[in-house]
Amino acid sequence: MLVPTRMPHGRDFSFDVYMNGKLPVAQCAPALQTIHLQADRIFAGAITERLHEAMEPVLLD
């Protein structure tokens, strides 16, 4: 579940990413990957292309 939060001046961006309930140990890694991908998409949509380039992203394998 994603819970976005906007600060009053509109420049800070914060959100909590979590899953409800318990997961069997064997499902933890895939669940974390799903959460990571969702968070990545939200973050990428929240920043400008200029900021993205300024952070000098490196593609991870």
Protein backbone atom coordinates (compact mmCIF):
# COMPACT_ATOMS: atom_id res chain seq x y z
CA MET A 1 0.00 0.00 0.00
CA LEU A 2 1.28 3.49 -0.81
CA VAL A 3 0.52 6.46 1.40
CA PRO A 4 1.67 9.78 -0.13
CA THR A 5 2.16 12.86 2.03
CA ARG A 6 2.67 16.44 0.78
CA MET A 7 4.25 19.07 2.94
CA PRO A 8 2.53 22.50 3.14
CA HIS A 9 5.03 24.29 0.87
CA GLY A 10 4.71 21.54 -1.77
CA ARG A 11 8.40 20.79 -2.20
CA ASP A 12 8.93 17.84 0.09
CA PHE A 13 7.67 14.47 -1.02
CA SER A 14 7.28 11.62 1.41
CA PHE A 15 5.45 8.33 1.25
CA ASP A 16 5.25 5.06 3.13
CA VAL A 17 5.30 1.82 1.20
CA TYR A 18 4.16 -1.36 2.91
CA MET A 19 2.13 -4.54 2.53
CA ASN A 20 -0.66 -5.64 4.81
CA GLY A 21 -0.59 -8.98 6.58
CA LYS A 22 2.01 -11.67 7.04
CA LEU A 23 4.07 -13.23 4.27
CA PRO A 24 5.68 -16.63 4.21
CA VAL A 25 9.48 -16.34 4.20
CA ALA A 26 9.65 -17.69 0.63
CA GLN A 27 7.53 -14.73 -0.58
CA CYS A 28 9.52 -11.98 1.13
CA ALA A 29 12.05 -11.34 -1.64
CA PRO A 30 9.42 -11.11 -4.42
CA ALA A 31 7.23 -8.89 -2.21
CA LEU A 32 10.15 -6.54 -1.50
CA GLN A 33 10.90 -6.36 -5.22
CA THR A 34 7.27 -5.39 -5.91
CA ILE A 35 7.36 -2.68 -3.25
CA HIS A 36 10.68 -1.39 -4.58
CA LEU A 37 9.35 -1.12 -8.15
CA GLN A 38 6.24 0.74 -6.98
CA ALA A 39 8.29 3.18 -4.90
CA ASP A 40 10.72 3.72 -7.79
CA ARG A 41 7.88 4.61 -10.18
CA ILE A 42 6.40 7.09 -7.71
CA PHE A 43 9.75 8.73 -7.05
CA ALA A 44 10.57 8.95 -10.77
CA GLY A 45 7.22 10.63 -11.41
CA ALA A 46 7.74 13.12 -8.59
CA ILE A 47 11.05 14.61 -9.79
CA THR A 48 11.97 16.61 -12.86
CA GLU A 49 14.17 15.28 -15.64
CA ARG A 50 16.75 17.93 -14.72
CA LEU A 51 16.92 16.68 -11.13
CA HIS A 52 17.10 13.08 -12.33
CA GLU A 53 20.10 13.89 -14.53
CA ALA A 54 21.75 15.93 -11.76
CA MET A 55 21.67 12.89 -9.46
CA GLU A 56 23.78 11.02 -12.06
CA PRO A 57 21.85 7.74 -11.86
CA VAL A 58 23.64 4.45 -12.44
CA LEU A 59 21.78 1.46 -13.83
CA LEU A 60 22.08 -1.51 -11.47
CA ASP A 61 22.07 -5.08 -12.75
